[in-house]
Amino acid sequence: MNKIILGASVVAMLTLTQTSFGQAVQEAKAEKKEQKAEKKAAKANELRSNAATGKGLEIAGVSDAHTRKAKADRKMKHAHKKELKSEAKELKAAAKDRTKKADGVD
């Protein structure tokens, strides 16, 4: 009997918080994408500095300074892409919130 009451109260609580839960999920996804973007940008900067100073692993005939800089540029493009996705998630969350408020779902 106690389990049934507990289960029913959990379901009731989840239905009440469902509207804010979707918003929180979108914001969490945006934050995660932003963290990934920062990590990729840091890695790109590290690769670029390694290519400039000659540090790190360099394979003769395969990874000259130009190739290593190109790899850093690719990493930076990926970081920029992640930043754009993060901003898109934030905009989506804000739009969802405004739509819910306009519909009176809040």
C-alpha atoms as a PDB file:
ATOM      1  CA  MET A   1       0.000   0.000   0.000  1.00  0.00           C
ATOM      2  CA  ASN A   2       2.799   2.399   0.900  1.00  0.00           C
ATOM      3  CA  LYS A   3       4.550   1.676  -2.402  1.00  0.00           C
ATOM      4  CA  ILE A   4       1.403   2.511  -4.341  1.00  0.00           C
ATOM      5  CA  ILE A   5       0.984   5.809  -2.514  1.00  0.00           C
ATOM      6  CA  LEU A   6       4.644   6.622  -2.969  1.00  0.00           C
ATOM      7  CA  GLY A   7       4.476   5.781  -6.676  1.00  0.00           C
ATOM      8  CA  ALA A   8       1.338   7.868  -7.159  1.00  0.00           C
ATOM      9  CA  SER A   9       2.902  10.849  -5.404  1.00  0.00           C
ATOM     10  CA  VAL A  10       6.028  10.585  -7.556  1.00  0.00           C
ATOM     11  CA  VAL A  11       3.920  10.487 -10.723  1.00  0.00           C
ATOM     12  CA  ALA A  12       1.884  13.480  -9.527  1.00  0.00           C
ATOM     13  CA  MET A  13       5.031  15.409  -8.706  1.00  0.00           C
ATOM     14  CA  LEU A  14       6.552  14.608 -12.101  1.00  0.00           C
ATOM     15  CA  THR A  15       3.474  15.805 -13.953  1.00  0.00           C
ATOM     16  CA  LEU A  16       3.576  19.084 -12.047  1.00  0.00           C
ATOM     17  CA  THR A  17       7.253  19.636 -12.756  1.00  0.00           C
ATOM     18  CA  GLN A  18       7.095  18.426 -16.359  1.00  0.00           C
ATOM     19  CA  THR A  19       6.791  21.945 -17.761  1.00  0.00           C
ATOM     20  CA  SER A  20       9.913  23.210 -16.023  1.00  0.00           C
ATOM     21  CA  PHE A  21      11.710  19.910 -16.556  1.00  0.00           C
ATOM     22  CA  GLY A  22      11.797  20.367 -20.345  1.00  0.00           C
ATOM     23  CA  GLN A  23      13.246  23.831 -19.911  1.00  0.00           C
ATOM     24  CA  ALA A  24      15.921  22.538 -17.546  1.00  0.00           C
ATOM     25  CA  VAL A  25      16.853  19.762 -19.959  1.00  0.00           C
ATOM     26  CA  GLN A  26      17.361  22.248 -22.794  1.00  0.00           C
ATOM     27  CA  GLU A  27      19.520  24.467 -20.607  1.00  0.00           C
ATOM     28  CA  ALA A  28      21.587  21.487 -19.466  1.00  0.00           C
ATOM     29  CA  LYS A  29      22.144  20.441 -23.072  1.00  0.00           C
ATOM     30  CA  ALA A  30      23.234  23.954 -23.955  1.00  0.00           C
ATOM     31  CA  GLU A  31      25.679  24.007 -21.052  1.00  0.00           C
ATOM     32  CA  LYS A  32      27.112  20.647 -22.081  1.00  0.00           C
ATOM     33  CA  LYS A  33      27.635  21.819 -25.671  1.00  0.00           C
ATOM     34  CA  GLU A  34      29.293  24.981 -24.389  1.00  0.00           C
ATOM     35  CA  GLN A  35      31.692  22.959 -22.247  1.00  0.00           C
ATOM     36  CA  LYS A  36      32.567  20.772 -25.213  1.00  0.00           C
ATOM     37  CA  ALA A  37      33.207  23.863 -27.311  1.00  0.00           C
ATOM     38  CA  GLU A  38      35.547  25.291 -24.675  1.00  0.00           C
ATOM     39  CA  LYS A  39      37.399  21.982 -24.471  1.00  0.00           C
ATOM     40  CA  LYS A  40      37.807  21.811 -28.257  1.00  0.00           C
ATOM     41  CA  ALA A  41      38.984  25.429 -28.420  1.00  0.00           C
ATOM     42  CA  ALA A  42      41.583  24.760 -25.722  1.00  0.00           C
ATOM     43  CA  LYS A  43      42.805  21.696 -27.599  1.00  0.00           C
ATOM     44  CA  ALA A  44      43.009  23.685 -30.847  1.00  0.00           C
ATOM     45  CA  ASN A  45      45.032  26.410 -29.136  1.00  0.00           C
ATOM     46  CA  GLU A  46      47.346  23.773 -27.669  1.00  0.00           C
ATOM     47  CA  LEU A  47      47.845  22.150 -31.089  1.00  0.00           C
ATOM     48  CA  ARG A  48      48.492  25.537 -32.679  1.00  0.00           C
ATOM     49  CA  SER A  49      51.116  26.458 -30.063  1.00  0.00           C
ATOM     50  CA  ASN A  50      52.737  23.018 -30.395  1.00  0.00           C
ATOM     51  CA  ALA A  51      52.952  23.478 -34.168  1.00  0.00           C
ATOM     52  CA  ALA A  52      54.466  26.941 -33.751  1.00  0.00           C
ATOM     53  CA  THR A  53      57.075  25.859 -31.209  1.00  0.00           C
ATOM     54  CA  GLY A  54      57.759  22.403 -32.654  1.00  0.00           C
ATOM     55  CA  LYS A  55      56.647  20.616 -29.505  1.00  0.00           C
ATOM     56  CA  GLY A  56      54.693  17.400 -29.462  1.00  0.00           C
ATOM     57  CA  LEU A  57      54.687  14.393 -31.743  1.00  0.00           C
ATOM     58  CA  GLU A  58      55.880  15.086 -35.279  1.00  0.00           C
ATOM     59  CA  ILE A  59      56.124  12.349 -37.885  1.00  0.00           C
ATOM     60  CA  ALA A  60      58.658  13.060 -40.607  1.00  0.00           C
ATOM     61  CA  GLY A  61      57.029  13.653 -43.972  1.00  0.00           C
ATOM     62  CA  VAL A  62      53.526  13.407 -42.553  1.00  0.00           C
ATOM     63  CA  SER A  63      53.043  16.083 -39.910  1.00  0.00           C
ATOM     64  CA  ASP A  64      55.003  19.167 -40.791  1.00  0.00           C
ATOM     65  CA  ALA A  65      54.146  22.529 -39.236  1.00  0.00           C
ATOM     66  CA  HIS A  66      51.639  23.339 -41.976  1.00  0.00           C
ATOM     67  CA  THR A  67      49.737  20.084 -41.474  1.00  0.00           C
ATOM     68  CA  ARG A  68      49.706  20.543 -37.723  1.00  0.00           C
ATOM     69  CA  LYS A  69      48.325  24.064 -38.099  1.00  0.00           C
ATOM     70  CA  ALA A  70      45.637  22.726 -40.428  1.00  0.00           C
ATOM     71  CA  LYS A  71      44.658  20.190 -37.764  1.00  0.00           C
ATOM     72  CA  ALA A  72      44.414  22.989 -35.212  1.00  0.00           C
ATOM     73  CA  ASP A  73      42.211  24.950 -37.619  1.00  0.00           C
ATOM     74  CA  ARG A  74      39.896  21.954 -38.027  1.00  0.00           C
ATOM     75  CA  LYS A  75      39.629  21.639 -34.255  1.00  0.00           C
ATOM     76  CA  MET A  76      38.764  25.314 -34.006  1.00  0.00           C
ATOM     77  CA  LYS A  77      36.035  24.899 -36.647  1.00  0.00           C
ATOM     78  CA  HIS A  78      34.553  22.070 -34.606  1.00  0.00           C
ATOM     79  CA  ALA A  79      34.693  24.233 -31.483  1.00  0.00           C
ATOM     80  CA  HIS A  80      32.899  27.043 -33.309  1.00  0.00           C
ATOM     81  CA  LYS A  81      30.258  24.573 -34.487  1.00  0.00           C
ATOM     82  CA  LYS A  82      29.703  23.413 -30.891  1.00  0.00           C
ATOM     83  CA  GLU A  83      29.332  27.032 -29.768  1.00  0.00           C
ATOM     84  CA  LEU A  84      26.663  27.589 -32.415  1.00  0.00           C
ATOM     85  CA  LYS A  85      24.835  24.458 -31.291  1.00  0.00           C
ATOM     86  CA  SER A  86      24.987  25.652 -27.707  1.00  0.00           C
ATOM     87  CA  GLU A  87      23.474  28.995 -28.663  1.00  0.00           C
ATOM     88  CA  ALA A  88      20.783  27.188 -30.650  1.00  0.00           C
ATOM     89  CA  LYS A  89      19.869  25.073 -27.630  1.00  0.00           C
ATOM     90  CA  GLU A  90      19.615  28.183 -25.467  1.00  0.00           C
ATOM     91  CA  LEU A  91      17.402  29.900 -28.030  1.00  0.00           C
ATOM     92  CA  LYS A  92      15.245  26.797 -28.279  1.00  0.00           C
ATOM     93  CA  ALA A  93      14.808  26.708 -24.516  1.00  0.00           C
ATOM     94  CA  ALA A  94      13.847  30.382 -24.439  1.00  0.00           C
ATOM     95  CA  ALA A  95      11.401  29.916 -27.295  1.00  0.00           C
ATOM     96  CA  LYS A  96       9.837  26.932 -25.554  1.00  0.00           C
ATOM     97  CA  ASP A  97       9.417  28.952 -22.386  1.00  0.00           C
ATOM     98  CA  ARG A  98       7.778  31.861 -24.226  1.00  0.00           C
ATOM     99  CA  THR A  99       5.481  29.528 -26.140  1.00  0.00           C
ATOM    100  CA  LYS A 100       4.348  27.882 -22.922  1.00  0.00           C
ATOM    101  CA  LYS A 101       3.729  31.245 -21.286  1.00  0.00           C
ATOM    102  CA  ALA A 102       1.796  32.460 -24.326  1.00  0.00           C
ATOM    103  CA  ASP A 103      -0.340  29.323 -24.333  1.00  0.00           C
ATOM    104  CA  GLY A 104      -0.934  29.648 -20.599  1.00  0.00           C
ATOM    105  CA  VAL A 105       0.586  26.241 -19.877  1.00  0.00           C
ATOM    106  CA  ASP A 106       2.841  27.608 -17.161  1.00  0.00           C
END
